[in-house]
Structure formats: structure tokens, C-alpha cells
Amino acid sequence: MSGVKGKRISVSAARAAGEAREWRMTWRVLMLAWEYPPHHVGGLGRHVGHLSRALLERGADVTVITRSVSGQTEVRDDGGVRVVSVAPFHLHPPDFVTWAAQFNVSLMEAVAREFSSEDFDLVHAHDWIVAYAAKAIKEAWEVPLVATIHATEFGRQSGIHNPMQAHISETEWWLCYEACRVIVCSRYMRAEVGTVFGVPRDKLRVIPNGIDSSWFTVRRRKAPEPLIIYVGRLVVEKGPLVLVDALAETSNRFPDASLVFAGTGPMEGEIAARIAARGLEGRVRLLGHLKDRELKDLYSRAWVAAFPSSYEPFGIVALEAMATGVPCIVGNTGGLREVVTSGETGLVVEPNNPLVLADAISRLISNQDWAEAMAARARRVALSEYSWSDIAGKTVAVYDEVLGSRGIPVRTLEVAEMREHVRTGAST
């Protein structure tokens, strides 16, 4: 495997002899994440994929270490991002925490075998699942650590209720403690991480999730009858059971309405049982994991996208709905209420209340002109405020802060490199 490229210097054309030239630094980033497209479970993998590619356009050199689903360690190029997919050990761990610990050893083995401390300027870790490897690399290489906390165990579980949850929460705290900067995706998450883990506000940076430009090219072709869609993990905090119950209520007014779930998760069996119990077989489908092309087709046909979460740090699926022009409903929680303005760019409803959710769905179905006008406003907001290019720019600003805190201010380093370049007479 080829080594990671060193710092590159970009020099603009000289305006006149002897005038200063424009320089920039390449941030050499080692990104750690337990999922990466196309083998992603939820929003974290999508986030890392889009961010990594957008960072390239900002001059970064990005290597992602993630998990392999084939059982073999693989190296590939993803639009310029070097992706190393590491096979976890096949030791049949008794629980997910043990699996994560074994996976981190696999990560560290791959990093030790393929790279050295000279290859990267910093490590960027995504969530607690890679915390052990991130901490070890930080200490062994003496490079700064940046952490992105996508969600907390405390928030997901509405508190800490057993030893495993306590261990995960403590590991999240540990990652925040070890990081030079902690990135979160919403003001809600900044407050949560600050409160739960005691992270100082000046260590936290709010950088939202983004939406890829390809989502704005989806052509709407609504289904002949009302189609409600849900996209995301099938877990209790995202409200899939509430949505099934809401459809049962909605069907009294709109007997031709149907519901589609796109995603996987531990509640799949329970959802199927609830569908049967409410007599909704044939009107509710569980499609499992869909590729982006299939997802875009689903959004194009939807009348309503419903994400009735009771806990959601951000909710990138709401951005997908907004970008594709689908009227959306979100739970009044977390980052969702920061993304969607109720009555202007969608509807925000009380979580865990199927009657309220059913009423919101009915309003959008029965007032299509109003719903489409909201969706058009939402699309404009998504286009102007959530581009991955802007998000990558904010991220490299954090990298600048961190590299400066290492005792090598970025601008000073650039000036030193420029002087050395001029002294040696190197060409541009």
C-alpha cells in the first residue's frame, strides 16, 4: 500500500517580481469511523463519506480507516479518499462493547502496519466505537485528536440504566476528554455533550450535517395514491411504532394511504408484529436497507416524509426530504427542530403521540398546495445552508485551531515553508 502524501504547497501566479505568493497547507487527516459507504448502518457513515470527499476539495489529504464487511482487509479509492476497510476478529464476542474493543485492536494493527507518525497531522474520530484506537494513535504518534460526537448513549436511552450503557457513556466522556476539539452537529447536541460530559463550551464546535448536491436533482413524480415514507434505523427513539399507529388513524380518512419503511434495525420484528396487530398488512412495507439510487426514487414518489423521533441529534433524513422537495414531518426534539421550522419548511410534532402525528399527515395530504409550498421553501433552505463544501470549510477551520494548539501555528508554518521555497529557488 502506498504511503500517504506529504504536505503540498500551492502557489498562485506571481503578480509581479518579488511580490508575496499565495500558499496553503494540506491537512493530512486520519479519519476513524466504524462505518463508511456503501456499508453504512445509519447516518454516521453517510456523514463521514460526504465530509471526507468534501475535505479533498478544501485541500485535505484524507485516509479513512473503517470496518470491512467481507471478512478481508481491503484498500480502495473513493473519489480521492483512501479507504482502508479492516476485518474485525472472528471471535464471536458476547456483546457489542466487546466487539468494539476487538475492532479497535484491528484498527490499530492496520494503522501500525501501513502508516507512521510522519504520515498524518491529526486524527479525527467519529463516536465512541473508535475511541480506543484514536486514543492509542494520539499518544503513540503525538498528534492532535479531533472527535465528532454524533449521539450520546445518555440521549439514545433517555438516561443510563445498566452497566453496559454506563461503560459506553464513560467511553464517550473519555473521547471528549482526550480530544483537543469536540465537534457536534447541532446546538442541542452542544448542550447535551456539555451537560452530560462536562465538556467546556470553548472546546465544543457546532458544525451541522450536510446534504450532497445530487439530492437536489431528484425529479418529483408523486405516487398516484398518498405515500408516506420513513427512512432511518428501526430503533425505538426514532418512532417507527408511533408511525404505524398513526397510519392506522390516518387510514380512516385516507383508506388508500400507504407507508414504507426504508432501513434496518433491532425493531424490525416488533414493527412487523404491530403492522399485523393493526390490520395494516399490504399497506405497510419494510424494504430494508436501500442504496442511494433506490432511496432517491422512493423520495421522488413520496407525498409525505415522516421522522417522528423522540431523540435525534440532527436528522440528516430531514435534509434529504427537504432537498428532494418532499413535505416532511419531524419530532419536536434535538436537531430536527433546528433544521425544520414548523409551518414554514415542514411540520414539527410532539413525539410519541400517534394522534398528533396522524393529524399532521392528514393535513399535508389534504392540503397539497400548502404542503408543496412549504416543501419548496424547505428546498431553498437546504440548498443555501447545508452544503458539504461549507461544512468542510468549517471543519478545516477546526483543524487549523488544533494544529495551532500543537505549537505550530498554521500561518507561521506556511510562511516558513514559503521562505524555504524561495531560498532554495524551487519552481512553482
Protein backbone atom coordinates (compact mmCIF):
# COMPACT_ATOMS: atom_id res chain seq x y z
CA MET A 1 0.00 0.00 0.00
CA SER A 2 1.42 3.35 -0.95
CA GLY A 3 2.27 5.80 1.75
CA VAL A 4 0.34 8.96 2.44
CA LYS A 5 1.42 12.01 0.56
CA GLY A 6 3.26 14.72 2.42
CA LYS A 7 2.39 18.39 2.62
CA ARG A 8 1.72 20.00 -0.73
CA ILE A 9 2.20 23.68 -1.38
CA SER A 10 0.00 25.62 -3.78
CA VAL A 11 1.47 28.81 -5.25
CA SER A 12 -0.54 31.33 -7.24
CA ALA A 13 0.96 33.10 -10.24
CA ALA A 14 3.15 35.98 -9.14
CA ARG A 15 1.57 39.32 -9.78
CA ALA A 16 4.97 40.97 -10.03
CA ALA A 17 8.56 40.05 -9.31
CA GLY A 18 9.31 39.94 -5.63
CA GLU A 19 5.65 40.04 -4.55
CA ALA A 20 4.35 37.58 -1.98
CA ARG A 21 2.68 34.46 -3.34
CA GLU A 22 -0.39 32.64 -2.08
CA TRP A 23 0.25 29.48 -0.13
CA ARG A 24 -1.94 26.89 1.52
CA MET A 25 -1.38 23.87 3.71
CA THR A 26 -2.66 20.37 3.14
CA TRP A 27 -4.21 18.84 6.23
CA ARG A 28 -3.21 15.18 6.34
CA VAL A 29 -6.13 13.58 8.17
CA LEU A 30 -6.55 10.06 9.51
CA MET A 31 -10.30 9.54 9.88
CA LEU A 32 -11.58 6.71 12.10
CA ALA A 33 -15.19 5.53 11.73
CA TRP A 34 -16.91 2.20 12.24
CA GLU A 35 -18.97 2.59 9.07
CA TYR A 36 -18.42 4.08 5.63
CA PRO A 37 -20.45 3.90 2.39
CA PRO A 38 -21.61 1.72 0.85
CA HIS A 39 -21.56 -0.40 4.03
CA HIS A 40 -23.20 2.01 6.42
CA VAL A 41 -25.80 1.32 9.09
CA GLY A 42 -27.06 4.82 9.77
CA GLY A 43 -26.27 8.49 9.26
CA LEU A 44 -22.73 8.38 10.66
CA GLY A 45 -21.35 6.51 7.64
CA ARG A 46 -23.00 8.88 5.19
CA HIS A 47 -21.63 11.84 7.13
CA VAL A 48 -18.06 10.53 7.06
CA GLY A 49 -18.26 9.71 3.36
CA HIS A 50 -19.55 13.13 2.30
CA LEU A 51 -17.27 15.01 4.68
CA SER A 52 -14.16 13.14 3.56
CA ARG A 53 -14.79 13.85 -0.12
CA ALA A 54 -15.62 17.50 0.56
CA LEU A 55 -12.42 17.88 2.59
CA LEU A 56 -10.44 16.87 -0.51
CA GLU A 57 -11.82 19.92 -2.29
CA ARG A 58 -10.58 22.05 0.60
CA GLY A 59 -7.03 20.75 0.15
CA ALA A 60 -7.04 17.96 2.70
CA ASP A 61 -5.47 14.53 2.19
CA VAL A 62 -7.88 12.07 3.83
CA THR A 63 -7.43 8.44 4.78
CA VAL A 64 -10.40 6.64 6.37
CA ILE A 65 -9.95 3.51 8.46
CA THR A 66 -13.24 1.65 8.83
CA ARG A 67 -14.67 -1.86 9.14
CA SER A 68 -14.78 -4.46 6.41
CA VAL A 69 -17.94 -6.49 5.85
CA SER A 70 -16.27 -9.02 3.57
CA GLY A 71 -14.08 -10.55 6.28
CA GLN A 72 -10.96 -9.33 4.48
CA THR A 73 -8.94 -6.15 4.87
CA GLU A 74 -9.34 -4.07 1.70
CA VAL A 75 -7.88 -0.85 0.34
CA ARG A 76 -9.73 1.24 -2.20
CA ASP A 77 -10.01 4.74 -3.59
CA ASP A 78 -13.29 6.60 -3.14
CA GLY A 79 -13.07 9.70 -5.29
CA GLY A 80 -9.63 10.51 -3.92
CA VAL A 81 -10.29 9.38 -0.35
CA ARG A 82 -8.09 6.45 0.65
CA VAL A 83 -10.35 3.91 2.39
CA VAL A 84 -8.87 1.06 4.40
CA SER A 85 -11.58 -1.41 5.43
CA VAL A 86 -10.33 -3.56 8.30
CA ALA A 87 -11.72 -7.00 9.07
CA PRO A 88 -12.69 -7.42 12.76
CA PHE A 89 -11.55 -10.55 14.56
CA HIS A 90 -13.80 -13.61 14.24
CA LEU A 91 -14.03 -14.35 17.96
CA HIS A 92 -17.81 -14.27 18.41
CA PRO A 93 -17.90 -11.55 21.07
CA PRO A 94 -20.75 -11.79 23.61
CA ASP A 95 -21.90 -8.20 23.15
CA PHE A 96 -21.36 -5.07 21.07
CA VAL A 97 -18.97 -3.44 23.55
CA THR A 98 -16.66 -6.46 23.33
CA TRP A 99 -16.94 -6.42 19.54
CA ALA A 100 -15.96 -2.72 19.54
CA ALA A 101 -12.88 -3.42 21.66
CA GLN A 102 -11.78 -6.20 19.29
CA PHE A 103 -12.47 -3.98 16.28
CA ASN A 104 -10.23 -1.25 17.75
CA VAL A 105 -7.34 -3.70 18.01
CA SER A 106 -7.86 -4.50 14.32
CA LEU A 107 -7.79 -0.77 13.56
CA MET A 108 -4.57 -0.26 15.48
CA GLU A 109 -2.94 -3.26 13.76
CA ALA A 110 -3.77 -1.84 10.33
CA VAL A 111 -2.53 1.64 11.22
CA ALA A 112 0.71 0.30 12.73
CA ARG A 113 1.34 -1.90 9.70
CA GLU A 114 0.61 0.63 6.97
CA PHE A 115 1.44 4.07 8.38
CA SER A 116 3.76 6.03 10.65
CA SER A 117 3.60 9.20 12.69
CA GLU A 118 5.05 11.15 9.74
CA ASP A 119 2.06 10.39 7.55
CA PHE A 120 -0.62 12.43 9.33
CA ASP A 121 -1.09 15.77 11.05
CA LEU A 122 -4.11 14.77 13.13
CA VAL A 123 -6.62 12.03 13.92
CA HIS A 124 -10.36 12.63 13.55
CA ALA A 125 -12.52 10.05 15.39
CA HIS A 126 -16.27 9.59 14.95
CA ASP A 127 -18.08 8.40 18.07
CA TRP A 128 -17.07 6.10 20.91
CA ILE A 129 -16.81 2.93 18.84
CA VAL A 130 -13.34 4.01 17.63
CA ALA A 131 -12.28 5.80 20.82
CA TYR A 132 -9.73 3.21 21.98
CA ALA A 133 -7.79 3.26 18.70
CA ALA A 134 -8.00 7.05 18.48
CA LYS A 135 -6.54 7.47 21.96
CA ALA A 136 -3.73 4.96 21.27
CA ILE A 137 -2.77 6.61 17.97
CA LYS A 138 -2.86 10.06 19.52
CA GLU A 139 -0.46 9.01 22.27
CA ALA A 140 1.86 6.86 20.13
CA TRP A 141 2.24 9.43 17.37
CA GLU A 142 1.85 12.58 19.49
CA VAL A 143 -0.66 14.08 17.07
CA PRO A 144 -3.80 16.05 17.95
CA LEU A 145 -7.16 14.30 18.22
CA VAL A 146 -10.45 15.79 16.99
CA ALA A 147 -13.67 13.97 17.89
CA THR A 148 -17.13 14.21 16.40
CA ILE A 149 -19.89 13.06 18.75
CA HIS A 150 -22.90 12.13 16.62
CA ALA A 151 -25.08 10.99 19.54
CA THR A 152 -24.73 10.01 23.19
CA GLU A 153 -25.77 6.85 24.98
CA PHE A 154 -27.48 9.01 27.59
CA GLY A 155 -29.62 10.63 24.92
CA ARG A 156 -30.34 7.44 22.98
CA GLN A 157 -31.51 5.59 26.10
CA SER A 158 -33.13 8.55 27.89
CA GLY A 159 -30.65 8.06 30.71
CA ILE A 160 -28.21 5.37 31.83
CA HIS A 161 -29.92 2.22 33.11
CA ASN A 162 -27.38 -0.64 33.16
CA PRO A 163 -23.62 -1.31 33.34
CA MET A 164 -23.14 -1.61 29.57
CA GLN A 165 -24.78 1.75 28.94
CA ALA A 166 -22.65 3.22 31.73
CA HIS A 167 -19.50 1.89 30.08
CA ILE A 168 -20.45 3.33 26.68
CA SER A 169 -21.26 6.68 28.25
CA GLU A 170 -17.95 6.71 30.12
CA THR A 171 -16.11 5.91 26.88
CA GLU A 172 -17.88 8.84 25.20
CA TRP A 173 -16.78 11.08 28.06
CA TRP A 174 -13.21 9.76 27.73
CA LEU A 175 -13.11 10.51 23.99
CA CYS A 176 -14.32 14.06 24.63
CA TYR A 177 -11.71 14.47 27.38
CA GLU A 178 -8.86 13.24 25.16
CA ALA A 179 -9.83 15.35 22.13
CA CYS A 180 -8.47 18.83 21.51
CA ARG A 181 -11.80 19.83 19.98
CA VAL A 182 -15.22 18.16 20.02
CA ILE A 183 -17.49 18.70 17.02
CA VAL A 184 -21.26 18.29 17.38
CA CYS A 185 -23.96 18.68 14.74
CA SER A 186 -26.44 20.99 16.49
CA ARG A 187 -26.88 23.46 19.33
CA TYR A 188 -28.97 20.79 21.03
CA MET A 189 -26.03 18.39 20.97
CA ARG A 190 -23.68 21.09 22.22
CA ALA A 191 -25.88 21.50 25.26
CA GLU A 192 -26.23 17.73 25.75
CA VAL A 193 -22.50 16.98 25.47
CA GLY A 194 -21.65 19.95 27.66
CA THR A 195 -24.12 18.87 30.34
CA VAL A 196 -23.68 15.08 30.29
CA PHE A 197 -19.89 15.04 29.97
CA GLY A 198 -18.94 18.41 31.41
CA VAL A 199 -17.15 19.46 28.22
CA PRO A 200 -16.25 23.17 28.36
CA ARG A 201 -18.13 25.28 25.83
CA ASP A 202 -14.91 26.67 24.36
CA LYS A 203 -13.86 23.13 23.41
CA LEU A 204 -17.10 22.44 21.51
CA ARG A 205 -17.73 23.41 17.88
CA VAL A 206 -21.15 23.20 16.20
CA ILE A 207 -20.93 22.09 12.57
CA PRO A 208 -24.18 20.78 11.05
CA ASN A 209 -24.59 17.78 8.81
CA GLY A 210 -24.94 18.47 5.12
CA ILE A 211 -26.68 17.24 2.02
CA ASP A 212 -24.98 16.18 -1.19
CA SER A 213 -25.84 18.25 -4.27
CA SER A 214 -27.09 15.16 -6.12
CA TRP A 215 -30.20 15.12 -3.91
CA PHE A 216 -31.32 18.41 -5.44
CA THR A 217 -31.50 16.80 -8.90
CA VAL A 218 -34.22 14.30 -7.92
CA ARG A 219 -37.28 14.78 -10.12
CA ARG A 220 -40.58 14.56 -8.28
CA ARG A 221 -43.12 12.05 -9.64
CA LYS A 222 -45.61 11.53 -6.86
CA ALA A 223 -47.27 8.16 -6.45
CA PRO A 224 -50.93 8.01 -7.60
CA GLU A 225 -52.11 7.49 -4.00
CA PRO A 226 -50.79 9.03 -0.76
CA LEU A 227 -47.40 7.50 0.12
CA ILE A 228 -45.79 8.18 3.49
CA ILE A 229 -42.13 7.22 3.86
CA TYR A 230 -39.78 6.69 6.78
CA VAL A 231 -36.02 6.45 6.27
CA GLY A 232 -33.61 5.51 9.03
CA ARG A 233 -32.66 3.00 11.67
CA LEU A 234 -35.51 0.94 13.09
CA VAL A 235 -34.93 1.84 16.73
CA VAL A 236 -37.38 2.95 19.38
CA GLU A 237 -36.15 6.55 19.68
CA LYS A 238 -36.92 7.24 16.01
CA GLY A 239 -40.61 6.42 16.49
CA PRO A 240 -41.39 3.71 13.91
CA LEU A 241 -44.13 2.12 16.06
CA VAL A 242 -45.72 5.53 16.56
CA LEU A 243 -45.80 5.94 12.79
CA VAL A 244 -47.56 2.58 12.30
CA ASP A 245 -50.19 3.61 14.84
CA ALA A 246 -50.54 7.00 13.14
CA LEU A 247 -51.17 5.34 9.77
CA ALA A 248 -53.95 3.26 11.36
CA GLU A 249 -55.61 6.54 12.37
CA THR A 250 -54.90 8.26 9.05
CA SER A 251 -56.48 5.38 7.11
CA ASN A 252 -59.89 6.32 8.46
CA ARG A 253 -59.72 9.46 6.31
CA PHE A 254 -57.44 8.20 3.53
CA PRO A 255 -58.02 4.48 3.04
CA ASP A 256 -55.63 4.38 0.05
CA ALA A 257 -52.68 5.82 2.01
CA SER A 258 -49.66 3.54 2.40
CA LEU A 259 -46.45 3.57 4.43
CA VAL A 260 -42.93 2.42 3.53
CA PHE A 261 -40.02 1.88 5.93
CA ALA A 262 -36.52 2.10 4.43
CA GLY A 263 -33.88 0.94 6.88
CA THR A 264 -32.88 -1.86 9.19
CA GLY A 265 -32.57 -2.25 12.93
CA PRO A 266 -33.43 -4.31 16.00
CA MET A 267 -37.12 -3.37 15.95
CA GLU A 268 -37.91 -4.91 12.57
CA GLY A 269 -39.75 -7.90 14.05
CA GLU A 270 -41.67 -5.76 16.52
CA ILE A 271 -42.75 -3.40 13.74
CA ALA A 272 -43.96 -6.31 11.63
CA ALA A 273 -45.99 -7.58 14.61
CA ARG A 274 -47.54 -4.13 15.13
CA ILE A 275 -48.47 -3.92 11.45
CA ALA A 276 -50.29 -7.24 11.74
CA ALA A 277 -51.96 -6.24 15.01
CA ARG A 278 -53.33 -3.05 13.44
CA GLY A 279 -54.55 -4.89 10.34
CA LEU A 280 -52.24 -2.98 8.02
CA GLU A 281 -50.72 -5.85 6.04
CA GLY A 282 -50.45 -4.85 2.40
CA ARG A 283 -50.44 -1.17 3.29
CA VAL A 284 -47.13 -1.02 5.14
CA ARG A 285 -43.89 -2.37 3.69
CA LEU A 286 -40.48 -2.93 5.24
CA LEU A 287 -37.93 -2.52 2.45
CA GLY A 288 -34.74 -2.89 4.49
CA HIS A 289 -31.56 -1.06 3.55
CA LEU A 290 -31.71 0.83 0.25
CA LYS A 291 -28.89 2.18 -1.87
CA ASP A 292 -28.85 5.91 -2.60
CA ARG A 293 -30.35 5.47 -6.06
CA GLU A 294 -33.25 3.47 -4.63
CA LEU A 295 -33.70 5.98 -1.81
CA LYS A 296 -33.90 8.88 -4.23
CA ASP A 297 -36.53 7.03 -6.23
CA LEU A 298 -38.52 6.48 -3.02
CA TYR A 299 -38.33 10.17 -2.08
CA SER A 300 -39.39 11.17 -5.59
CA ARG A 301 -42.68 9.25 -5.20
CA ALA A 302 -43.46 10.25 -1.60
CA TRP A 303 -46.29 12.54 -0.57
CA VAL A 304 -45.01 12.88 3.00
CA ALA A 305 -41.72 12.01 4.73
CA ALA A 306 -42.24 11.37 8.46
CA PHE A 307 -39.46 11.23 11.05
CA PRO A 308 -41.24 11.28 14.45
CA SER A 309 -38.13 10.88 16.60
CA SER A 310 -38.10 11.37 20.36
CA TYR A 311 -34.28 11.72 20.26
CA GLU A 312 -32.34 12.96 17.23
CA PRO A 313 -29.04 14.85 17.42
CA PHE A 314 -29.53 16.19 13.89
CA GLY A 315 -31.58 14.16 11.43
CA ILE A 316 -29.94 14.11 8.00
CA VAL A 317 -33.02 12.34 6.60
CA ALA A 318 -34.94 15.58 7.09
CA LEU A 319 -32.41 17.29 4.82
CA GLU A 320 -32.90 14.56 2.22
CA ALA A 321 -36.63 15.21 2.24
CA MET A 322 -36.11 18.96 2.05
CA ALA A 323 -33.63 18.67 -0.83
CA THR A 324 -35.94 16.44 -2.85
CA GLY A 325 -38.97 18.65 -2.25
CA VAL A 326 -40.97 16.22 -0.11
CA PRO A 327 -43.16 17.77 2.62
CA CYS A 328 -41.79 16.48 5.91
CA ILE A 329 -42.89 15.95 9.49
CA VAL A 330 -40.35 15.70 12.31
CA GLY A 331 -40.46 15.13 16.05
CA ASN A 332 -40.08 18.17 18.28
CA THR A 333 -36.67 17.16 19.56
CA GLY A 334 -32.95 17.71 19.22
CA GLY A 335 -31.50 18.94 15.97
CA LEU A 336 -34.67 18.24 13.98
CA ARG A 337 -36.37 21.34 15.34
CA GLU A 338 -33.30 23.38 14.38
CA VAL A 339 -33.47 22.15 10.78
CA VAL A 340 -37.27 22.35 10.27
CA THR A 341 -39.32 25.45 11.09
CA SER A 342 -42.88 24.33 11.77
CA GLY A 343 -45.41 25.77 9.34
CA GLU A 344 -42.68 27.23 7.11
CA THR A 345 -40.42 24.38 5.99
CA GLY A 346 -42.33 21.41 7.40
CA LEU A 347 -44.31 20.37 10.45
CA VAL A 348 -42.89 19.74 13.93
CA VAL A 349 -44.99 17.48 16.16
CA GLU A 350 -44.98 16.12 19.69
CA PRO A 351 -43.05 12.82 19.83
CA ASN A 352 -44.71 9.56 20.92
CA ASN A 353 -48.19 10.83 20.07
CA PRO A 354 -49.74 8.91 17.15
CA LEU A 355 -52.91 11.04 17.12
CA VAL A 356 -50.95 14.28 16.68
CA LEU A 357 -48.77 12.63 14.03
CA ALA A 358 -51.83 11.30 12.19
CA ASP A 359 -53.35 14.79 12.17
CA ALA A 360 -50.15 16.26 10.69
CA ILE A 361 -50.06 13.59 7.97
CA SER A 362 -53.71 14.24 7.15
CA ARG A 363 -53.13 17.99 6.89
CA LEU A 364 -50.33 17.52 4.37
CA ILE A 365 -52.29 15.02 2.29
CA SER A 366 -55.49 17.07 2.21
CA ASN A 367 -53.79 20.44 1.55
CA GLN A 368 -51.34 19.61 -1.19
CA ASP A 369 -50.77 23.15 -2.47
CA TRP A 370 -49.88 24.32 1.04
CA ALA A 371 -47.68 21.28 1.59
CA GLU A 372 -45.81 21.77 -1.69
CA ALA A 373 -45.25 25.47 -0.94
CA MET A 374 -43.64 24.53 2.39
CA ALA A 375 -41.54 21.92 0.65
CA ALA A 376 -40.32 24.47 -1.91
CA ARG A 377 -39.21 26.81 0.90
CA ALA A 378 -37.51 23.91 2.64
CA ARG A 379 -35.60 23.02 -0.51
CA ARG A 380 -34.24 26.56 -0.78
CA VAL A 381 -33.10 26.45 2.86
CA ALA A 382 -31.36 23.10 2.37
CA LEU A 383 -29.59 24.39 -0.73
CA SER A 384 -28.36 27.59 0.89
CA GLU A 385 -27.42 26.44 4.39
CA TYR A 386 -26.31 22.79 4.32
CA SER A 387 -23.76 22.27 1.56
CA TRP A 388 -20.91 19.86 2.29
CA SER A 389 -18.44 22.37 0.90
CA ASP A 390 -19.32 24.87 3.63
CA ILE A 391 -19.24 22.13 6.26
CA ALA A 392 -15.80 21.01 5.11
CA GLY A 393 -14.63 24.61 5.33
CA LYS A 394 -15.78 24.83 8.94
CA THR A 395 -14.08 21.52 9.68
CA VAL A 396 -10.69 22.58 8.33
CA ALA A 397 -11.03 25.73 10.44
CA VAL A 398 -11.17 23.40 13.46
CA TYR A 399 -8.11 21.58 12.13
CA ASP A 400 -6.32 24.93 11.94
CA GLU A 401 -7.18 25.60 15.57
CA VAL A 402 -5.90 22.20 16.64
CA LEU A 403 -2.67 22.36 14.67
CA GLY A 404 -2.05 25.80 16.07
CA SER A 405 -2.55 24.46 19.60
CA ARG A 406 0.19 21.93 18.87
CA GLY A 407 2.68 24.79 18.93
CA ILE A 408 2.95 25.14 15.14
CA PRO A 409 0.59 27.94 14.12
CA VAL A 410 -0.60 27.15 10.61
CA ARG A 411 0.08 30.59 9.17
CA THR A 412 3.57 30.65 10.69
CA LEU A 413 4.26 27.24 9.17
CA GLU A 414 3.12 28.43 5.76
CA VAL A 415 5.39 31.48 5.94
CA ALA A 416 8.34 29.31 6.96
CA GLU A 417 7.69 26.97 4.03
CA MET A 418 7.39 29.90 1.65
CA ARG A 419 10.73 31.34 2.79
CA GLU A 420 12.42 27.97 2.40
CA HIS A 421 10.86 27.59 -1.05
CA VAL A 422 12.19 30.99 -2.13
CA ARG A 423 15.62 30.34 -0.54
CA THR A 424 16.13 27.11 -2.44
CA GLY A 425 14.79 28.58 -5.65
CA ALA A 426 12.22 25.80 -6.11
CA SER A 427 9.89 26.18 -9.04
CA THR A 428 6.16 26.69 -8.72
